[in-house]
Amino acid sequence: MMRGLARISVVIGAIVLIASFGGDLHPIGDSLAVFRVAILGAVLFLAVTVWRWRIAQGAIAISLVLLGSTLAQGMPDRLEQPADLVLYQKNLLYLTTDRAGFVEDVIGSGADFVTLQEVSPANRYLLDELRDAYPYQLPCDLRSRGGVAVLSRWPTVGEDCFRRRGLVAGVFDRDGVQVRVIGVHLPWPWPRRQAAFVETMLPDFQVFRGDVTLVGGDFNMVPAGRSIARVARATGTQRVGHIERTYQVLGYPIAIDHVLASAGITGTIEVRPRLGSDHFGVLARVALP
């Protein structure tokens, strides 16, 4: 009886695992992709309990291969010279919370740019507290709880809020280098409309060009998700750094906050404390070619 249930569970788990790669067919695939490592672990555990079964042996082999490829989605941290640009990425959380230490952490990081999400009436005072260090500020949609912003130490050359939620972009002059900085906040995939949101957003990425592009955001998607790949292609960027949790769902760690940089740029990431938010911060250091 138990062996039969285990076999059925292996088959169901394998179907769910395969579905996690089906984001192009239905958005539920991207939602499952967020938990793919957990699904892989469950399939492996169940398959081991009936490992003499040929189907289970195949499931074990495939799961190990997929686990390796999933973990390989993170680009190794690599910085062979001092960082030229530093970006601090943070979803602030729209609620009123104790944010002691956040301003000091941002300023102390030495970041050139800051990308923020969930800038709301409850926390937008932080922009004023950061103004001395980051005098060039581009906040968008601050009337709602889902505002976004880009802050910079360097003068603004161009800026746009695109009249849509979750997207802000600016070009800044960093000692003669035109740096395009894009802030992104994507909704959750299925049952939300992440895929459709990204589709409507893609043309906006062509509005500004720069010598270098940095994208910071809460993507609500792990590195293996299709939304990150689509944004990367549209902006000519690649994800910076290794995979590390930036959020937790019932204690399960997931990497959904990311920094992308122009293709060919090397860099590292460092996860910063939550400091009043439900997201950890991400500090990216990159070196120009």
Protein backbone atom coordinates (compact mmCIF):
# COMPACT_ATOMS: atom_id res chain seq x y z
CA MET A 1 0.00 0.00 0.00
CA MET A 2 2.67 2.50 1.05
CA ARG A 3 4.89 1.53 -1.88
CA GLY A 4 1.98 2.11 -4.26
CA LEU A 5 1.34 5.56 -2.77
CA ALA A 6 5.03 6.40 -3.06
CA ARG A 7 5.03 5.41 -6.73
CA ILE A 8 1.96 7.52 -7.42
CA SER A 9 3.60 10.43 -5.58
CA VAL A 10 6.75 10.09 -7.69
CA VAL A 11 4.69 10.29 -10.88
CA ILE A 12 2.71 13.30 -9.62
CA GLY A 13 5.91 15.00 -8.46
CA ALA A 14 7.53 14.40 -11.85
CA ILE A 15 4.52 15.93 -13.61
CA VAL A 16 4.66 19.00 -11.36
CA LEU A 17 8.42 19.27 -11.97
CA ILE A 18 7.96 19.14 -15.74
CA ALA A 19 5.18 21.72 -15.47
CA SER A 20 7.62 24.11 -13.74
CA PHE A 21 9.39 24.42 -17.12
CA GLY A 22 6.15 25.20 -18.94
CA GLY A 23 5.93 28.92 -18.35
CA ASP A 24 5.66 29.57 -22.08
CA LEU A 25 2.56 27.38 -22.22
CA HIS A 26 0.84 28.64 -19.07
CA PRO A 27 1.90 31.16 -16.38
CA ILE A 28 1.42 28.54 -13.66
CA GLY A 29 4.73 27.10 -14.88
CA ASP A 30 6.57 30.22 -13.72
CA SER A 31 4.85 30.06 -10.32
CA LEU A 32 6.03 26.46 -9.93
CA ALA A 33 9.52 27.49 -11.05
CA VAL A 34 9.83 29.65 -7.93
CA PHE A 35 9.67 26.46 -5.85
CA ARG A 36 11.52 24.19 -8.28
CA VAL A 37 14.33 23.31 -5.87
CA ALA A 38 11.78 22.23 -3.25
CA ILE A 39 9.90 20.19 -5.86
CA LEU A 40 13.16 18.57 -6.96
CA GLY A 41 13.95 17.69 -3.35
CA ALA A 42 10.53 16.13 -2.85
CA VAL A 43 10.79 14.06 -6.02
CA LEU A 44 14.25 12.85 -5.04
CA PHE A 45 13.10 11.88 -1.56
CA LEU A 46 10.05 10.00 -2.82
CA ALA A 47 11.98 8.29 -5.61
CA VAL A 48 14.65 7.06 -3.19
CA THR A 49 11.97 5.32 -1.11
CA VAL A 50 11.13 3.13 -4.15
CA TRP A 51 14.54 3.30 -5.81
CA ARG A 52 14.32 -0.26 -7.16
CA TRP A 53 11.51 0.85 -9.45
CA ARG A 54 12.91 1.74 -12.89
CA ILE A 55 10.74 4.81 -13.21
CA ALA A 56 12.03 6.01 -9.84
CA GLN A 57 15.63 5.47 -10.97
CA GLY A 58 14.94 7.59 -14.04
CA ALA A 59 13.33 10.27 -11.87
CA ILE A 60 16.39 10.33 -9.59
CA ALA A 61 18.77 10.74 -12.53
CA ILE A 62 16.71 13.47 -14.16
CA SER A 63 16.19 15.30 -10.86
CA LEU A 64 19.92 15.38 -10.16
CA VAL A 65 20.62 16.80 -13.61
CA LEU A 66 17.90 19.42 -13.26
CA LEU A 67 19.08 20.35 -9.77
CA GLY A 68 22.58 20.94 -11.09
CA SER A 69 21.34 23.09 -13.99
CA THR A 70 19.05 25.08 -11.68
CA LEU A 71 21.84 25.88 -9.25
CA ALA A 72 24.07 26.80 -12.19
CA GLN A 73 21.69 29.65 -13.08
CA GLY A 74 23.62 31.87 -10.69
CA MET A 75 26.61 33.61 -12.24
CA PRO A 76 29.71 33.07 -10.05
CA ASP A 77 30.86 36.15 -8.16
CA ARG A 78 33.83 37.50 -10.03
CA LEU A 79 35.47 40.89 -9.65
CA GLU A 80 39.03 41.01 -10.92
CA GLN A 81 39.50 44.73 -10.27
CA PRO A 82 38.05 47.34 -7.91
CA ALA A 83 34.36 48.01 -8.46
CA ASP A 84 33.54 50.85 -10.82
CA LEU A 85 29.83 50.98 -10.01
CA VAL A 86 27.83 49.93 -6.95
CA LEU A 87 24.04 49.50 -6.86
CA TYR A 88 21.89 48.92 -3.77
CA GLN A 89 18.59 47.16 -4.53
CA LYS A 90 15.75 47.07 -1.99
CA ASN A 91 12.04 46.39 -1.72
CA LEU A 92 11.17 48.62 1.23
CA LEU A 93 7.79 47.05 2.19
CA TYR A 94 4.93 49.55 2.02
CA LEU A 95 3.90 49.17 5.69
CA THR A 96 4.91 51.30 8.65
CA THR A 97 7.80 49.47 10.34
CA ASP A 98 10.95 50.18 12.31
CA ARG A 99 13.57 51.07 9.70
CA ALA A 100 16.42 51.88 12.05
CA GLY A 101 19.73 51.44 10.30
CA PHE A 102 18.47 51.41 6.72
CA VAL A 103 19.69 54.88 5.74
CA GLU A 104 23.05 54.24 7.40
CA ASP A 105 23.35 50.90 5.61
CA VAL A 106 22.72 52.46 2.20
CA ILE A 107 25.12 55.36 2.71
CA GLY A 108 27.74 53.13 4.31
CA SER A 109 27.62 50.77 1.33
CA GLY A 110 29.09 53.46 -0.90
CA ALA A 111 26.47 52.74 -3.55
CA ASP A 112 26.41 54.99 -6.60
CA PHE A 113 22.77 54.15 -7.27
CA VAL A 114 19.80 52.85 -5.30
CA THR A 115 16.73 51.11 -6.76
CA LEU A 116 13.68 50.96 -4.49
CA GLN A 117 10.27 49.29 -4.67
CA GLU A 118 7.12 49.64 -2.56
CA VAL A 119 7.89 53.27 -1.85
CA SER A 120 4.71 54.36 -0.08
CA PRO A 121 3.29 57.17 2.06
CA ALA A 122 4.51 55.16 5.08
CA ASN A 123 8.17 55.10 4.07
CA ARG A 124 8.81 57.83 1.50
CA TYR A 125 10.39 60.00 4.19
CA LEU A 126 13.43 57.81 3.62
CA LEU A 127 13.98 59.60 0.31
CA ASP A 128 14.42 62.88 2.21
CA GLU A 129 16.82 61.25 4.65
CA LEU A 130 18.89 59.98 1.72
CA ARG A 131 18.77 63.23 -0.25
CA ASP A 132 22.10 64.64 0.95
CA ALA A 133 23.95 61.52 -0.18
CA TYR A 134 21.73 60.95 -3.23
CA PRO A 135 20.60 64.37 -4.49
CA TYR A 136 19.42 63.08 -7.88
CA GLN A 137 16.17 61.24 -7.22
CA LEU A 138 13.58 59.85 -9.59
CA PRO A 139 10.48 58.68 -7.67
CA CYS A 140 7.44 57.36 -9.54
CA ASP A 141 3.86 56.62 -8.45
CA LEU A 142 4.37 57.60 -4.81
CA ARG A 143 0.65 58.08 -4.25
CA SER A 144 0.18 54.33 -4.02
CA ARG A 145 1.88 51.68 -1.93
CA GLY A 146 3.69 50.38 -5.01
CA GLY A 147 5.93 53.32 -5.85
CA VAL A 148 9.38 52.82 -7.35
CA ALA A 149 12.43 55.06 -7.33
CA VAL A 150 16.01 55.40 -8.55
CA LEU A 151 18.44 57.45 -6.46
CA SER A 152 21.85 58.59 -7.69
CA ARG A 153 24.98 60.35 -6.55
CA TRP A 154 25.57 61.39 -10.16
CA PRO A 155 23.79 64.02 -12.29
CA THR A 156 20.70 63.06 -14.23
CA VAL A 157 20.80 63.14 -18.03
CA GLY A 158 17.36 61.65 -18.76
CA GLU A 159 14.48 60.13 -16.83
CA ASP A 160 11.07 58.57 -17.30
CA CYS A 161 8.29 57.00 -15.20
CA PHE A 162 6.58 55.53 -18.32
CA ARG A 163 3.10 56.19 -16.90
CA ARG A 164 2.92 52.65 -15.62
CA ARG A 165 3.41 51.01 -12.25
CA GLY A 166 6.55 49.11 -11.43
CA LEU A 167 9.01 50.73 -13.85
CA VAL A 168 11.38 53.68 -13.63
CA ALA A 169 14.51 54.51 -15.63
CA GLY A 170 17.14 57.21 -15.63
CA VAL A 171 20.44 57.94 -17.33
CA PHE A 172 23.18 59.42 -15.18
CA ASP A 173 26.56 60.94 -16.00
CA ARG A 174 29.20 59.12 -13.99
CA ASP A 175 32.42 61.00 -14.86
CA GLY A 176 31.67 60.87 -18.57
CA VAL A 177 30.14 57.40 -18.57
CA GLN A 178 26.41 57.36 -19.36
CA VAL A 179 24.87 54.86 -16.93
CA ARG A 180 21.30 53.74 -17.59
CA VAL A 181 19.67 52.58 -14.35
CA ILE A 182 16.31 50.79 -14.48
CA GLY A 183 14.17 49.97 -11.46
CA VAL A 184 11.66 47.15 -11.83
CA HIS A 185 8.89 45.70 -9.68
CA LEU A 186 7.09 42.76 -11.28
CA PRO A 187 3.91 41.21 -9.88
CA TRP A 188 3.81 37.58 -8.83
CA PRO A 189 3.38 35.16 -11.77
CA TRP A 190 0.20 33.04 -11.88
CA PRO A 191 -2.46 33.78 -10.66
CA ARG A 192 -1.14 37.34 -11.08
CA ARG A 193 -0.15 38.64 -14.51
CA GLN A 194 3.63 38.76 -14.49
CA ALA A 195 4.08 37.46 -18.05
CA ALA A 196 1.59 39.96 -19.50
CA PHE A 197 3.13 42.77 -17.43
CA VAL A 198 6.59 42.04 -18.83
CA GLU A 199 5.22 41.88 -22.37
CA THR A 200 3.81 45.41 -22.14
CA MET A 201 7.00 46.66 -20.46
CA LEU A 202 9.51 45.48 -23.09
CA PRO A 203 9.15 48.44 -25.52
CA ASP A 204 9.88 50.87 -22.68
CA PHE A 205 13.37 49.45 -22.25
CA GLN A 206 14.32 50.98 -25.61
CA VAL A 207 13.52 54.57 -24.59
CA PHE A 208 16.92 55.32 -23.09
CA ARG A 209 20.36 54.09 -24.02
CA GLY A 210 23.61 54.42 -22.13
CA ASP A 211 27.19 53.22 -22.18
CA VAL A 212 26.31 50.86 -19.33
CA THR A 213 22.99 49.47 -18.13
CA LEU A 214 22.13 48.40 -14.58
CA VAL A 215 18.76 46.89 -13.66
CA GLY A 216 17.72 46.47 -10.04
CA GLY A 217 14.43 45.09 -8.94
CA ASP A 218 12.03 42.83 -7.14
CA PHE A 219 11.26 40.44 -9.99
CA ASN A 220 9.13 38.07 -7.89
CA MET A 221 10.90 35.36 -9.87
CA VAL A 222 13.90 33.11 -9.38
CA PRO A 223 16.86 33.20 -11.82
CA ALA A 224 15.50 30.27 -13.85
CA GLY A 225 12.26 32.13 -14.59
CA ARG A 226 11.45 33.37 -18.07
CA SER A 227 10.67 36.93 -16.97
CA ILE A 228 14.28 37.57 -15.94
CA ALA A 229 15.53 36.16 -19.24
CA ARG A 230 13.15 38.40 -21.20
CA VAL A 231 14.16 41.53 -19.31
CA ALA A 232 17.84 40.61 -19.73
CA ARG A 233 17.45 40.19 -23.49
CA ALA A 234 15.52 43.45 -23.84
CA THR A 235 18.11 45.45 -21.88
CA GLY A 236 21.27 43.68 -23.09
CA THR A 237 22.14 42.59 -19.56
CA GLN A 238 22.90 39.50 -17.52
CA ARG A 239 22.27 38.66 -13.90
CA VAL A 240 25.06 39.58 -11.47
CA GLY A 241 26.31 37.19 -8.80
CA HIS A 242 25.46 33.90 -7.20
CA ILE A 243 22.02 32.70 -6.12
CA GLU A 244 21.10 33.67 -2.58
CA ARG A 245 17.78 34.08 -0.81
CA THR A 246 16.29 37.55 -0.67
CA TYR A 247 12.83 36.52 0.58
CA GLN A 248 11.22 33.70 2.53
CA VAL A 249 7.83 32.03 2.07
CA LEU A 250 6.88 30.17 5.26
CA GLY A 251 10.57 29.77 5.95
CA TYR A 252 11.41 28.57 2.43
CA PRO A 253 14.20 30.78 0.98
CA ILE A 254 13.83 32.11 -2.55
CA ALA A 255 15.94 34.46 -4.68
CA ILE A 256 13.54 36.96 -6.25
CA ASP A 257 15.44 40.28 -5.97
CA HIS A 258 18.14 40.70 -8.60
CA VAL A 259 20.64 43.06 -10.16
CA LEU A 260 21.45 42.81 -13.87
CA ALA A 261 24.35 44.52 -15.63
CA SER A 262 25.42 44.98 -19.25
CA ALA A 263 26.59 41.75 -20.84
CA GLY A 264 30.30 41.18 -20.34
CA ILE A 265 30.48 43.06 -17.04
CA THR A 266 31.75 41.09 -14.06
CA GLY A 267 30.50 41.63 -10.55
CA THR A 268 29.57 40.37 -7.11
CA ILE A 269 26.50 40.58 -4.91
CA GLU A 270 26.16 40.84 -1.16
CA VAL A 271 22.87 40.28 0.64
CA ARG A 272 22.07 43.02 3.13
CA PRO A 273 19.78 42.79 6.23
CA ARG A 274 16.02 43.28 5.99
CA LEU A 275 16.08 46.45 8.11
CA GLY A 276 12.32 46.83 8.48
CA SER A 277 11.33 45.15 5.23
CA ASP A 278 10.26 41.61 4.40
CA HIS A 279 12.93 41.53 1.67
CA PHE A 280 16.67 41.41 2.13
CA GLY A 281 18.66 44.04 0.28
CA VAL A 282 21.07 43.24 -2.55
CA LEU A 283 24.32 45.14 -2.96
CA ALA A 284 25.95 44.65 -6.37
CA ARG A 285 29.49 45.73 -7.24
CA VAL A 286 30.48 45.64 -10.89
CA ALA A 287 33.62 46.40 -12.85
CA LEU A 288 33.48 47.95 -16.29
CA PRO A 289 35.32 46.16 -19.12
